[in-house]
Amino acid sequence: MKTVYAIVLSLVIIGTQALASGGAGEAEGLGLLVIGFIAFGVLIVMFQFVPGILLFFGMLKGLLSSAEKKPTKIYSNSKY
């Protein structure tokens, strides 16, 4: 079991060193997949932002309206 842990640990160390390496100084820019991922995240934020703004303005409208509302009478059709 210790050998399995040693192998996994060595692979993790080698993998993190490979991910942290520079890449020979080449600047490739953003790929199409990265741009799509960022655009998808922006769409999610915007679709959550619009209902939030509508709720916020509705709350402000309710707080700032000075008209008092009269309670309505409730009529019951039951015998009891």
PDB file of N, CA and C in Angstrom:
ATOM      1  N   MET A   1       0.821  -1.189   0.000  1.00  0.00           N
ATOM      2  CA  MET A   1       0.000   0.000   0.000  1.00  0.00           C
ATOM      3  C   MET A   1       0.869   1.258   0.000  1.00  0.00           C
ATOM      4  N   LYS A   2       2.032   1.175   0.677  1.00  0.00           N
ATOM      5  CA  LYS A   2       2.918   2.327   0.699  1.00  0.00           C
ATOM      6  C   LYS A   2       3.505   2.593  -0.679  1.00  0.00           C
ATOM      7  N   THR A   3       3.681   1.540  -1.457  1.00  0.00           N
ATOM      8  CA  THR A   3       4.220   1.756  -2.800  1.00  0.00           C
ATOM      9  C   THR A   3       3.210   2.482  -3.687  1.00  0.00           C
ATOM     10  N   VAL A   4       1.921   2.187  -3.496  1.00  0.00           N
ATOM     11  CA  VAL A   4       0.885   2.878  -4.268  1.00  0.00           C
ATOM     12  C   VAL A   4       0.888   4.357  -3.906  1.00  0.00           C
ATOM     13  N   TYR A   5       0.973   4.675  -2.615  1.00  0.00           N
ATOM     14  CA  TYR A   5       1.031   6.067  -2.187  1.00  0.00           C
ATOM     15  C   TYR A   5       2.274   6.761  -2.737  1.00  0.00           C
ATOM     16  N   ALA A   6       3.394   6.067  -2.749  1.00  0.00           N
ATOM     17  CA  ALA A   6       4.632   6.643  -3.264  1.00  0.00           C
ATOM     18  C   ALA A   6       4.532   6.921  -4.760  1.00  0.00           C
ATOM     19  N   ILE A   7       3.927   6.013  -5.492  1.00  0.00           N
ATOM     20  CA  ILE A   7       3.768   6.209  -6.939  1.00  0.00           C
ATOM     21  C   ILE A   7       2.834   7.378  -7.221  1.00  0.00           C
ATOM     22  N   VAL A   8       1.701   7.432  -6.511  1.00  0.00           N
ATOM     23  CA  VAL A   8       0.743   8.521  -6.715  1.00  0.00           C
ATOM     24  C   VAL A   8       1.377   9.861  -6.345  1.00  0.00           C
ATOM     25  N   LEU A   9       2.107   9.896  -5.240  1.00  0.00           N
ATOM     26  CA  LEU A   9       2.756  11.132  -4.828  1.00  0.00           C
ATOM     27  C   LEU A   9       3.802  11.585  -5.846  1.00  0.00           C
ATOM     28  N   SER A  10       4.567  10.653  -6.377  1.00  0.00           N
ATOM     29  CA  SER A  10       5.573  11.032  -7.373  1.00  0.00           C
ATOM     30  C   SER A  10       4.912  11.534  -8.659  1.00  0.00           C
ATOM     31  N   LEU A  11       3.792  10.928  -9.050  1.00  0.00           N
ATOM     32  CA  LEU A  11       3.084  11.408 -10.240  1.00  0.00           C
ATOM     33  C   LEU A  11       2.499  12.797 -10.024  1.00  0.00           C
ATOM     34  N   VAL A  12       1.997  13.047  -8.829  1.00  0.00           N
ATOM     35  CA  VAL A  12       1.447  14.374  -8.526  1.00  0.00           C
ATOM     36  C   VAL A  12       2.556  15.419  -8.555  1.00  0.00           C
ATOM     37  N   ILE A  13       3.704  15.088  -7.983  1.00  0.00           N
ATOM     38  CA  ILE A  13       4.816  16.045  -7.981  1.00  0.00           C
ATOM     39  C   ILE A  13       5.298  16.324  -9.394  1.00  0.00           C
ATOM     40  N   ILE A  14       5.431  15.294 -10.200  1.00  0.00           N
ATOM     41  CA  ILE A  14       5.870  15.478 -11.580  1.00  0.00           C
ATOM     42  C   ILE A  14       4.822  16.268 -12.368  1.00  0.00           C
ATOM     43  N   GLY A  15       3.552  15.971 -12.121  1.00  0.00           N
ATOM     44  CA  GLY A  15       2.484  16.678 -12.833  1.00  0.00           C
ATOM     45  C   GLY A  15       2.421  18.148 -12.485  1.00  0.00           C
ATOM     46  N   THR A  16       2.608  18.486 -11.217  1.00  0.00           N
ATOM     47  CA  THR A  16       2.566  19.898 -10.845  1.00  0.00           C
ATOM     48  C   THR A  16       3.774  20.646 -11.374  1.00  0.00           C
ATOM     49  N   GLN A  17       4.897  19.975 -11.464  1.00  0.00           N
ATOM     50  CA  GLN A  17       6.063  20.633 -12.051  1.00  0.00           C
ATOM     51  C   GLN A  17       5.849  20.872 -13.538  1.00  0.00           C
ATOM     52  N   ALA A  18       5.195  19.959 -14.201  1.00  0.00           N
ATOM     53  CA  ALA A  18       4.929  20.134 -15.630  1.00  0.00           C
ATOM     54  C   ALA A  18       3.913  21.248 -15.861  1.00  0.00           C
ATOM     55  N   LEU A  19       2.932  21.362 -14.992  1.00  0.00           N
ATOM     56  CA  LEU A  19       1.933  22.419 -15.152  1.00  0.00           C
ATOM     57  C   LEU A  19       2.508  23.789 -14.821  1.00  0.00           C
ATOM     58  N   ALA A  20       3.491  23.834 -13.928  1.00  0.00           N
ATOM     59  CA  ALA A  20       4.077  25.104 -13.538  1.00  0.00           C
ATOM     60  C   ALA A  20       5.196  25.544 -14.461  1.00  0.00           C
ATOM     61  N   SER A  21       5.595  24.710 -15.402  1.00  0.00           N
ATOM     62  CA  SER A  21       6.702  25.081 -16.288  1.00  0.00           C
ATOM     63  C   SER A  21       6.256  26.179 -17.247  1.00  0.00           C
ATOM     64  N   GLY A  22       7.221  26.895 -17.769  1.00  0.00           N
ATOM     65  CA  GLY A  22       6.943  28.091 -18.560  1.00  0.00           C
ATOM     66  C   GLY A  22       6.332  27.830 -19.907  1.00  0.00           C
ATOM     67  N   GLY A  23       6.719  26.853 -20.619  1.00  0.00           N
ATOM     68  CA  GLY A  23       6.207  26.624 -21.967  1.00  0.00           C
ATOM     69  C   GLY A  23       7.084  27.273 -23.021  1.00  0.00           C
ATOM     70  N   ALA A  24       8.351  27.463 -22.759  1.00  0.00           N
ATOM     71  CA  ALA A  24       9.366  27.959 -23.699  1.00  0.00           C
ATOM     72  C   ALA A  24       9.083  29.372 -24.179  1.00  0.00           C
ATOM     73  N   GLY A  25       8.363  30.170 -23.399  1.00  0.00           N
ATOM     74  CA  GLY A  25       8.179  31.581 -23.711  1.00  0.00           C
ATOM     75  C   GLY A  25       7.267  31.874 -24.881  1.00  0.00           C
ATOM     76  N   GLU A  26       6.472  30.933 -25.313  1.00  0.00           N
ATOM     77  CA  GLU A  26       5.555  31.182 -26.425  1.00  0.00           C
ATOM     78  C   GLU A  26       4.247  31.741 -25.895  1.00  0.00           C
ATOM     79  N   ALA A  27       3.745  32.775 -26.522  1.00  0.00           N
ATOM     80  CA  ALA A  27       2.458  33.357 -26.146  1.00  0.00           C
ATOM     81  C   ALA A  27       1.447  32.950 -27.208  1.00  0.00           C
ATOM     82  N   GLU A  28       0.571  32.043 -26.871  1.00  0.00           N
ATOM     83  CA  GLU A  28      -0.391  31.541 -27.850  1.00  0.00           C
ATOM     84  C   GLU A  28      -1.711  32.307 -27.815  1.00  0.00           C
ATOM     85  N   GLY A  29      -2.020  32.972 -26.750  1.00  0.00           N
ATOM     86  CA  GLY A  29      -3.286  33.670 -26.639  1.00  0.00           C
ATOM     87  C   GLY A  29      -4.373  32.731 -26.126  1.00  0.00           C
ATOM     88  N   LEU A  30      -5.589  33.209 -26.132  1.00  0.00           N
ATOM     89  CA  LEU A  30      -6.718  32.412 -25.654  1.00  0.00           C
ATOM     90  C   LEU A  30      -7.250  31.530 -26.771  1.00  0.00           C
ATOM     91  N   GLY A  31      -7.572  30.315 -26.415  1.00  0.00           N
ATOM     92  CA  GLY A  31      -8.152  29.417 -27.388  1.00  0.00           C
ATOM     93  C   GLY A  31      -9.646  29.635 -27.521  1.00  0.00           C
ATOM     94  N   LEU A  32     -10.223  28.992 -28.496  1.00  0.00           N
ATOM     95  CA  LEU A  32     -11.651  29.127 -28.745  1.00  0.00           C
ATOM     96  C   LEU A  32     -12.466  28.569 -27.585  1.00  0.00           C
ATOM     97  N   LEU A  33     -12.003  27.491 -26.984  1.00  0.00           N
ATOM     98  CA  LEU A  33     -12.716  26.886 -25.861  1.00  0.00           C
ATOM     99  C   LEU A  33     -12.714  27.798 -24.645  1.00  0.00           C
ATOM    100  N   VAL A  34     -11.609  28.474 -24.399  1.00  0.00           N
ATOM    101  CA  VAL A  34     -11.518  29.387 -23.264  1.00  0.00           C
ATOM    102  C   VAL A  34     -12.440  30.583 -23.471  1.00  0.00           C
ATOM    103  N   ILE A  35     -12.471  31.107 -24.678  1.00  0.00           N
ATOM    104  CA  ILE A  35     -13.354  32.234 -24.979  1.00  0.00           C
ATOM    105  C   ILE A  35     -14.811  31.820 -24.817  1.00  0.00           C
ATOM    106  N   GLY A  36     -15.158  30.618 -25.265  1.00  0.00           N
ATOM    107  CA  GLY A  36     -16.521  30.121 -25.085  1.00  0.00           C
ATOM    108  C   GLY A  36     -16.879  29.942 -23.622  1.00  0.00           C
ATOM    109  N   PHE A  37     -15.936  29.464 -22.826  1.00  0.00           N
ATOM    110  CA  PHE A  37     -16.180  29.277 -21.395  1.00  0.00           C
ATOM    111  C   PHE A  37     -16.401  30.623 -20.705  1.00  0.00           C
ATOM    112  N   ILE A  38     -15.597  31.606 -21.040  1.00  0.00           N
ATOM    113  CA  ILE A  38     -15.758  32.930 -20.443  1.00  0.00           C
ATOM    114  C   ILE A  38     -17.078  33.554 -20.881  1.00  0.00           C
ATOM    115  N   ALA A  39     -17.446  33.397 -22.144  1.00  0.00           N
ATOM    116  CA  ALA A  39     -18.717  33.933 -22.631  1.00  0.00           C
ATOM    117  C   ALA A  39     -19.892  33.257 -21.951  1.00  0.00           C
ATOM    118  N   PHE A  40     -19.795  31.959 -21.714  1.00  0.00           N
ATOM    119  CA  PHE A  40     -20.865  31.244 -21.022  1.00  0.00           C
ATOM    120  C   PHE A  40     -21.011  31.757 -19.590  1.00  0.00           C
ATOM    121  N   GLY A  41     -19.894  32.009 -18.924  1.00  0.00           N
ATOM    122  CA  GLY A  41     -19.943  32.561 -17.567  1.00  0.00           C
ATOM    123  C   GLY A  41     -20.559  33.945 -17.544  1.00  0.00           C
ATOM    124  N   VAL A  42     -20.235  34.769 -18.534  1.00  0.00           N
ATOM    125  CA  VAL A  42     -20.816  36.108 -18.608  1.00  0.00           C
ATOM    126  C   VAL A  42     -22.315  36.021 -18.851  1.00  0.00           C
ATOM    127  N   LEU A  43     -22.746  35.084 -19.688  1.00  0.00           N
ATOM    128  CA  LEU A  43     -24.181  34.917 -19.927  1.00  0.00           C
ATOM    129  C   LEU A  43     -24.919  34.516 -18.649  1.00  0.00           C
ATOM    130  N   ILE A  44     -24.327  33.644 -17.870  1.00  0.00           N
ATOM    131  CA  ILE A  44     -24.956  33.237 -16.613  1.00  0.00           C
ATOM    132  C   ILE A  44     -25.090  34.430 -15.678  1.00  0.00           C
ATOM    133  N   VAL A  45     -24.037  35.230 -15.579  1.00  0.00           N
ATOM    134  CA  VAL A  45     -24.090  36.401 -14.701  1.00  0.00           C
ATOM    135  C   VAL A  45     -25.144  37.391 -15.188  1.00  0.00           C
ATOM    136  N   MET A  46     -25.222  37.616 -16.488  1.00  0.00           N
ATOM    137  CA  MET A  46     -26.206  38.561 -17.014  1.00  0.00           C
ATOM    138  C   MET A  46     -27.632  38.065 -16.824  1.00  0.00           C
ATOM    139  N   PHE A  47     -27.859  36.760 -17.019  1.00  0.00           N
ATOM    140  CA  PHE A  47     -29.212  36.239 -16.830  1.00  0.00           C
ATOM    141  C   PHE A  47     -29.618  36.247 -15.363  1.00  0.00           C
ATOM    142  N   GLN A  48     -28.691  36.293 -14.435  1.00  0.00           N
ATOM    143  CA  GLN A  48     -29.017  36.430 -13.029  1.00  0.00           C
ATOM    144  C   GLN A  48     -29.120  37.903 -12.632  1.00  0.00           C
ATOM    145  N   PHE A  49     -28.443  38.771 -13.357  1.00  0.00           N
ATOM    146  CA  PHE A  49     -28.415  40.188 -13.041  1.00  0.00           C
ATOM    147  C   PHE A  49     -29.739  40.870 -13.380  1.00  0.00           C
ATOM    148  N   VAL A  50     -30.336  40.531 -14.505  1.00  0.00           N
ATOM    149  CA  VAL A  50     -31.566  41.183 -14.960  1.00  0.00           C
ATOM    150  C   VAL A  50     -32.720  40.944 -13.989  1.00  0.00           C
ATOM    151  N   PRO A  51     -33.024  39.703 -13.558  1.00  0.00           N
ATOM    152  CA  PRO A  51     -34.102  39.540 -12.578  1.00  0.00           C
ATOM    153  C   PRO A  51     -33.776  40.188 -11.225  1.00  0.00           C
ATOM    154  N   GLY A  52     -32.512  40.211 -10.872  1.00  0.00           N
ATOM    155  CA  GLY A  52     -32.128  40.862  -9.624  1.00  0.00           C
ATOM    156  C   GLY A  52     -32.408  42.357  -9.659  1.00  0.00           C
ATOM    157  N   ILE A  53     -32.101  42.992 -10.785  1.00  0.00           N
ATOM    158  CA  ILE A  53     -32.392  44.425 -10.931  1.00  0.00           C
ATOM    159  C   ILE A  53     -33.892  44.675 -10.896  1.00  0.00           C
ATOM    160  N   LEU A  54     -34.663  43.826 -11.561  1.00  0.00           N
ATOM    161  CA  LEU A  54     -36.118  43.992 -11.543  1.00  0.00           C
ATOM    162  C   LEU A  54     -36.680  43.850 -10.130  1.00  0.00           C
ATOM    163  N   LEU A  55     -36.191  42.881  -9.373  1.00  0.00           N
ATOM    164  CA  LEU A  55     -36.643  42.722  -7.998  1.00  0.00           C
ATOM    165  C   LEU A  55     -36.222  43.905  -7.133  1.00  0.00           C
ATOM    166  N   PHE A  56     -35.034  44.430  -7.360  1.00  0.00           N
ATOM    167  CA  PHE A  56     -34.553  45.562  -6.587  1.00  0.00           C
ATOM    168  C   PHE A  56     -35.424  46.787  -6.826  1.00  0.00           C
ATOM    169  N   PHE A  57     -35.744  47.074  -8.093  1.00  0.00           N
ATOM    170  CA  PHE A  57     -36.593  48.221  -8.383  1.00  0.00           C
ATOM    171  C   PHE A  57     -38.016  48.018  -7.872  1.00  0.00           C
ATOM    172  N   GLY A  58     -38.510  46.788  -7.899  1.00  0.00           N
ATOM    173  CA  GLY A  58     -39.824  46.518  -7.318  1.00  0.00           C
ATOM    174  C   GLY A  58     -39.832  46.751  -5.822  1.00  0.00           C
ATOM    175  N   MET A  59     -38.740  46.378  -5.161  1.00  0.00           N
ATOM    176  CA  MET A  59     -38.642  46.611  -3.727  1.00  0.00           C
ATOM    177  C   MET A  59     -38.588  48.113  -3.432  1.00  0.00           C
ATOM    178  N   LEU A  60     -37.805  48.864  -4.221  1.00  0.00           N
ATOM    179  CA  LEU A  60     -37.748  50.309  -4.020  1.00  0.00           C
ATOM    180  C   LEU A  60     -39.108  50.963  -4.266  1.00  0.00           C
ATOM    181  N   LYS A  61     -39.810  50.484  -5.271  1.00  0.00           N
ATOM    182  CA  LYS A  61     -41.134  51.030  -5.563  1.00  0.00           C
ATOM    183  C   LYS A  61     -42.081  50.780  -4.400  1.00  0.00           C
ATOM    184  N   GLY A  62     -42.029  49.588  -3.817  1.00  0.00           N
ATOM    185  CA  GLY A  62     -42.881  49.288  -2.675  1.00  0.00           C
ATOM    186  C   GLY A  62     -42.509  50.074  -1.443  1.00  0.00           C
ATOM    187  N   LEU A  63     -41.224  50.322  -1.245  1.00  0.00           N
ATOM    188  CA  LEU A  63     -40.793  51.085  -0.074  1.00  0.00           C
ATOM    189  C   LEU A  63     -41.099  52.567  -0.198  1.00  0.00           C
ATOM    190  N   LEU A  64     -41.001  53.103  -1.380  1.00  0.00           N
ATOM    191  CA  LEU A  64     -41.155  54.535  -1.573  1.00  0.00           C
ATOM    192  C   LEU A  64     -42.582  54.961  -1.895  1.00  0.00           C
ATOM    193  N   SER A  65     -43.464  54.029  -2.126  1.00  0.00           N
ATOM    194  CA  SER A  65     -44.854  54.423  -2.397  1.00  0.00           C
ATOM    195  C   SER A  65     -45.514  54.817  -1.086  1.00  0.00           C
ATOM    196  N   SER A  66     -46.161  56.002  -1.087  1.00  0.00           N
ATOM    197  CA  SER A  66     -46.733  56.522   0.155  1.00  0.00           C
ATOM    198  C   SER A  66     -48.230  56.268   0.263  1.00  0.00           C
ATOM    199  N   ALA A  67     -48.829  55.717  -0.734  1.00  0.00           N
ATOM    200  CA  ALA A  67     -50.271  55.479  -0.704  1.00  0.00           C
ATOM    201  C   ALA A  67     -50.581  54.308   0.225  1.00  0.00           C
ATOM    202  N   GLU A  68     -51.494  54.562   1.166  1.00  0.00           N
ATOM    203  CA  GLU A  68     -51.902  53.483   2.056  1.00  0.00           C
ATOM    204  C   GLU A  68     -53.004  52.679   1.381  1.00  0.00           C
ATOM    205  N   LYS A  69     -52.951  51.415   1.548  1.00  0.00           N
ATOM    206  CA  LYS A  69     -53.962  50.557   0.942  1.00  0.00           C
ATOM    207  C   LYS A  69     -54.974  50.161   2.013  1.00  0.00           C
ATOM    208  N   LYS A  70     -56.232  50.233   1.642  1.00  0.00           N
ATOM    209  CA  LYS A  70     -57.294  49.851   2.572  1.00  0.00           C
ATOM    210  C   LYS A  70     -57.432  48.338   2.574  1.00  0.00           C
ATOM    211  N   PRO A  71     -57.704  47.769   3.728  1.00  0.00           N
ATOM    212  CA  PRO A  71     -57.938  46.320   3.747  1.00  0.00           C
ATOM    213  C   PRO A  71     -59.248  45.985   3.032  1.00  0.00           C
ATOM    214  N   THR A  72     -59.257  44.952   2.274  1.00  0.00           N
ATOM    215  CA  THR A  72     -60.456  44.558   1.539  1.00  0.00           C
ATOM    216  C   THR A  72     -61.287  43.606   2.383  1.00  0.00           C
ATOM    217  N   LYS A  73     -62.592  43.692   2.185  1.00  0.00           N
ATOM    218  CA  LYS A  73     -63.492  42.788   2.892  1.00  0.00           C
ATOM    219  C   LYS A  73     -63.470  41.431   2.215  1.00  0.00           C
ATOM    220  N   ILE A  74     -63.509  40.412   3.029  1.00  0.00           N
ATOM    221  CA  ILE A  74     -63.535  39.059   2.515  1.00  0.00           C
ATOM    222  C   ILE A  74     -64.937  38.512   2.735  1.00  0.00           C
ATOM    223  N   TYR A  75     -65.566  38.115   1.661  1.00  0.00           N
ATOM    224  CA  TYR A  75     -66.909  37.557   1.733  1.00  0.00           C
ATOM    225  C   TYR A  75     -66.817  36.052   1.663  1.00  0.00           C
ATOM    226  N   SER A  76     -67.586  35.413   2.515  1.00  0.00           N
ATOM    227  CA  SER A  76     -67.580  33.969   2.553  1.00  0.00           C
ATOM    228  C   SER A  76     -68.930  33.443   2.095  1.00  0.00           C
ATOM    229  N   ASN A  77     -68.924  32.397   1.313  1.00  0.00           N
ATOM    230  CA  ASN A  77     -70.151  31.781   0.840  1.00  0.00           C
ATOM    231  C   ASN A  77     -70.560  30.587   1.674  1.00  0.00           C
ATOM    232  N   SER A  78     -69.808  30.262   2.690  1.00  0.00           N
ATOM    233  CA  SER A  78     -70.131  29.075   3.480  1.00  0.00           C
ATOM    234  C   SER A  78     -71.193  29.401   4.525  1.00  0.00           C
ATOM    235  N   LYS A  79     -71.897  28.406   4.974  1.00  0.00           N
ATOM    236  CA  LYS A  79     -72.961  28.585   5.952  1.00  0.00           C
ATOM    237  C   LYS A  79     -72.403  28.708   7.354  1.00  0.00           C
ATOM    238  N   TYR A  80     -71.242  28.173   7.609  1.00  0.00           N
ATOM    239  CA  TYR A  80     -70.716  28.156   8.974  1.00  0.00           C
ATOM    240  C   TYR A  80     -69.712  29.223   9.191  1.00  0.00           C
TER     241      TYR A  80
END
